[in-house]
Amino acid sequence: MKQSPPHEMDAVERMVNRVLGAGVAVSVAFMLAGVVLVVARGGGLPPHASSFRELVPGLGTADPAAYLSTGLLVLIATPFARVAGSVIVFALERDRRYVALTAVVLLVMCAGVLLGRAG
């Protein structure tokens, strides 16, 4: 039985792999830091997420809620970064059809976030 040659990743697949891997790694690092801070302070998990305005000051003061919230925010933002990166890679490859399709997907994702906030 013949084995097929190993699949070589193209530019888009490599970018997707890197973005998703980095996003998950950064997210886990923030969440792990938040859990370590909770344990070190001897308290329970924060009862609420930090607001966007509270994130940077909270990170500076080692607030566990800020670290956990940042980890979740990075995890949620990762697919957006992946789609935006795909638009860029397709543009560099001069693939107009995929630039247009991927840009529409990105716009729909952004509209979903904005409409979700309004409700």
C-alpha atoms as a PDB file:
ATOM      1  CA  MET A   1       0.000   0.000   0.000  1.00  0.00           C
ATOM      2  CA  LYS A   2       1.404   3.335  -1.076  1.00  0.00           C
ATOM      3  CA  GLN A   3       1.600   6.153   1.410  1.00  0.00           C
ATOM      4  CA  SER A   4       0.678   9.594   0.189  1.00  0.00           C
ATOM      5  CA  PRO A   5       3.366  12.250   0.578  1.00  0.00           C
ATOM      6  CA  PRO A   6       3.126  14.372   3.732  1.00  0.00           C
ATOM      7  CA  HIS A   7       0.985  17.458   3.371  1.00  0.00           C
ATOM      8  CA  GLU A   8       2.965  20.668   3.107  1.00  0.00           C
ATOM      9  CA  MET A   9       1.234  23.692   4.616  1.00  0.00           C
ATOM     10  CA  ASP A  10       0.758  26.713   2.397  1.00  0.00           C
ATOM     11  CA  ALA A  11       1.094  30.309   3.623  1.00  0.00           C
ATOM     12  CA  VAL A  12      -2.493  30.554   4.845  1.00  0.00           C
ATOM     13  CA  GLU A  13      -2.317  27.288   6.775  1.00  0.00           C
ATOM     14  CA  ARG A  14       0.983  28.313   8.396  1.00  0.00           C
ATOM     15  CA  MET A  15      -0.460  31.695   9.404  1.00  0.00           C
ATOM     16  CA  VAL A  16      -3.611  30.101  10.823  1.00  0.00           C
ATOM     17  CA  ASN A  17      -1.518  27.578  12.742  1.00  0.00           C
ATOM     18  CA  ARG A  18       0.697  30.292  14.225  1.00  0.00           C
ATOM     19  CA  VAL A  19      -2.130  32.673  15.138  1.00  0.00           C
ATOM     20  CA  LEU A  20      -4.285  30.016  16.764  1.00  0.00           C
ATOM     21  CA  GLY A  21      -1.334  28.497  18.635  1.00  0.00           C
ATOM     22  CA  ALA A  22      -0.103  31.870  19.881  1.00  0.00           C
ATOM     23  CA  GLY A  23      -3.604  32.993  20.857  1.00  0.00           C
ATOM     24  CA  VAL A  24      -4.263  29.879  22.899  1.00  0.00           C
ATOM     25  CA  ALA A  25      -0.806  30.028  24.524  1.00  0.00           C
ATOM     26  CA  VAL A  26      -1.166  33.689  25.535  1.00  0.00           C
ATOM     27  CA  SER A  27      -4.712  33.081  26.768  1.00  0.00           C
ATOM     28  CA  VAL A  28      -3.657  30.111  28.886  1.00  0.00           C
ATOM     29  CA  ALA A  29      -0.710  32.073  30.296  1.00  0.00           C
ATOM     30  CA  PHE A  30      -2.981  34.907  31.470  1.00  0.00           C
ATOM     31  CA  MET A  31      -5.571  32.533  32.902  1.00  0.00           C
ATOM     32  CA  LEU A  32      -2.923  30.470  34.661  1.00  0.00           C
ATOM     33  CA  ALA A  33      -1.436  33.645  36.141  1.00  0.00           C
ATOM     34  CA  GLY A  34      -4.915  34.616  37.348  1.00  0.00           C
ATOM     35  CA  VAL A  35      -5.409  31.227  39.025  1.00  0.00           C
ATOM     36  CA  VAL A  36      -1.957  31.441  40.644  1.00  0.00           C
ATOM     37  CA  LEU A  37      -2.835  34.901  41.995  1.00  0.00           C
ATOM     38  CA  VAL A  38      -6.128  33.577  43.388  1.00  0.00           C
ATOM     39  CA  VAL A  39      -4.321  30.729  45.153  1.00  0.00           C
ATOM     40  CA  ALA A  40      -1.509  33.007  46.393  1.00  0.00           C
ATOM     41  CA  ARG A  41      -4.010  35.436  47.906  1.00  0.00           C
ATOM     42  CA  GLY A  42      -6.027  32.652  49.452  1.00  0.00           C
ATOM     43  CA  GLY A  43      -9.333  33.891  48.117  1.00  0.00           C
ATOM     44  CA  GLY A  44     -11.914  32.384  45.847  1.00  0.00           C
ATOM     45  CA  LEU A  45     -12.374  33.046  42.184  1.00  0.00           C
ATOM     46  CA  PRO A  46     -13.516  36.596  41.414  1.00  0.00           C
ATOM     47  CA  PRO A  47     -17.318  36.894  41.271  1.00  0.00           C
ATOM     48  CA  HIS A  48     -17.221  39.032  38.102  1.00  0.00           C
ATOM     49  CA  ALA A  49     -15.042  39.794  35.097  1.00  0.00           C
ATOM     50  CA  SER A  50     -13.067  42.997  34.913  1.00  0.00           C
ATOM     51  CA  SER A  51     -14.394  45.680  32.582  1.00  0.00           C
ATOM     52  CA  PHE A  52     -12.286  46.745  29.647  1.00  0.00           C
ATOM     53  CA  ARG A  53     -11.278  49.950  31.471  1.00  0.00           C
ATOM     54  CA  GLU A  54     -10.163  47.961  34.524  1.00  0.00           C
ATOM     55  CA  LEU A  55      -7.872  45.562  32.647  1.00  0.00           C
ATOM     56  CA  VAL A  56      -4.622  47.547  32.391  1.00  0.00           C
ATOM     57  CA  PRO A  57      -4.760  48.977  35.928  1.00  0.00           C
ATOM     58  CA  GLY A  58      -5.772  45.522  37.210  1.00  0.00           C
ATOM     59  CA  LEU A  59      -2.851  43.864  35.478  1.00  0.00           C
ATOM     60  CA  GLY A  60      -0.534  46.421  37.079  1.00  0.00           C
ATOM     61  CA  THR A  61      -1.896  45.674  40.551  1.00  0.00           C
ATOM     62  CA  ALA A  62      -1.941  41.887  40.012  1.00  0.00           C
ATOM     63  CA  ASP A  63      -5.731  41.664  40.250  1.00  0.00           C
ATOM     64  CA  PRO A  64      -6.707  38.040  39.526  1.00  0.00           C
ATOM     65  CA  ALA A  65      -9.949  39.128  37.823  1.00  0.00           C
ATOM     66  CA  ALA A  66      -7.965  41.268  35.373  1.00  0.00           C
ATOM     67  CA  TYR A  67      -5.681  38.356  34.466  1.00  0.00           C
ATOM     68  CA  LEU A  68      -8.573  35.924  34.042  1.00  0.00           C
ATOM     69  CA  SER A  69     -10.553  38.472  32.012  1.00  0.00           C
ATOM     70  CA  THR A  70      -7.566  39.234  29.787  1.00  0.00           C
ATOM     71  CA  GLY A  71      -7.107  35.523  29.146  1.00  0.00           C
ATOM     72  CA  LEU A  72     -10.736  35.196  28.092  1.00  0.00           C
ATOM     73  CA  LEU A  73     -10.513  38.326  25.948  1.00  0.00           C
ATOM     74  CA  VAL A  74      -7.435  36.983  24.140  1.00  0.00           C
ATOM     75  CA  LEU A  75      -9.172  33.640  23.604  1.00  0.00           C
ATOM     76  CA  ILE A  76     -12.223  35.375  22.124  1.00  0.00           C
ATOM     77  CA  ALA A  77     -10.060  37.665  19.950  1.00  0.00           C
ATOM     78  CA  THR A  78      -8.006  34.796  18.507  1.00  0.00           C
ATOM     79  CA  PRO A  79     -10.506  33.800  15.774  1.00  0.00           C
ATOM     80  CA  PHE A  80     -10.818  37.462  14.765  1.00  0.00           C
ATOM     81  CA  ALA A  81      -7.031  37.691  14.418  1.00  0.00           C
ATOM     82  CA  ARG A  82      -7.030  34.477  12.405  1.00  0.00           C
ATOM     83  CA  VAL A  83      -9.623  35.787   9.936  1.00  0.00           C
ATOM     84  CA  ALA A  84      -7.937  39.200   9.683  1.00  0.00           C
ATOM     85  CA  GLY A  85      -4.621  37.445   9.049  1.00  0.00           C
ATOM     86  CA  SER A  86      -6.244  35.384   6.327  1.00  0.00           C
ATOM     87  CA  VAL A  87      -7.443  38.559   4.598  1.00  0.00           C
ATOM     88  CA  ILE A  88      -3.857  39.860   4.620  1.00  0.00           C
ATOM     89  CA  VAL A  89      -2.342  36.611   3.336  1.00  0.00           C
ATOM     90  CA  PHE A  90      -4.936  36.317   0.562  1.00  0.00           C
ATOM     91  CA  ALA A  91      -4.276  39.952  -0.393  1.00  0.00           C
ATOM     92  CA  LEU A  92      -0.540  39.279  -0.579  1.00  0.00           C
ATOM     93  CA  GLU A  93      -1.291  36.282  -2.792  1.00  0.00           C
ATOM     94  CA  ARG A  94      -3.532  38.544  -4.930  1.00  0.00           C
ATOM     95  CA  ASP A  95      -6.457  36.165  -4.506  1.00  0.00           C
ATOM     96  CA  ARG A  96      -9.312  38.667  -4.802  1.00  0.00           C
ATOM     97  CA  ARG A  97     -12.087  36.117  -4.422  1.00  0.00           C
ATOM     98  CA  TYR A  98     -10.818  34.884  -1.044  1.00  0.00           C
ATOM     99  CA  VAL A  99      -9.995  38.406   0.110  1.00  0.00           C
ATOM    100  CA  ALA A 100     -13.615  39.382  -0.521  1.00  0.00           C
ATOM    101  CA  LEU A 101     -15.094  36.250   1.063  1.00  0.00           C
ATOM    102  CA  THR A 102     -12.857  36.419   4.116  1.00  0.00           C
ATOM    103  CA  ALA A 103     -13.471  40.158   4.538  1.00  0.00           C
ATOM    104  CA  VAL A 104     -17.226  39.473   4.545  1.00  0.00           C
ATOM    105  CA  VAL A 105     -16.715  36.817   7.240  1.00  0.00           C
ATOM    106  CA  LEU A 106     -14.715  39.308   9.312  1.00  0.00           C
ATOM    107  CA  LEU A 107     -17.419  41.966   8.917  1.00  0.00           C
ATOM    108  CA  VAL A 108     -20.119  39.499   9.981  1.00  0.00           C
ATOM    109  CA  MET A 109     -18.070  38.528  13.048  1.00  0.00           C
ATOM    110  CA  CYS A 110     -17.572  42.192  13.987  1.00  0.00           C
ATOM    111  CA  ALA A 111     -21.258  42.964  13.411  1.00  0.00           C
ATOM    112  CA  GLY A 112     -22.162  40.052  15.681  1.00  0.00           C
ATOM    113  CA  VAL A 113     -20.029  41.477  18.480  1.00  0.00           C
ATOM    114  CA  LEU A 114     -21.395  44.995  18.035  1.00  0.00           C
ATOM    115  CA  LEU A 115     -25.017  43.836  17.836  1.00  0.00           C
ATOM    116  CA  GLY A 116     -24.497  41.551  20.811  1.00  0.00           C
ATOM    117  CA  ARG A 117     -23.320  44.513  22.892  1.00  0.00           C
ATOM    118  CA  ALA A 118     -26.371  46.543  21.965  1.00  0.00           C
ATOM    119  CA  GLY A 119     -28.784  43.980  23.392  1.00  0.00           C
END
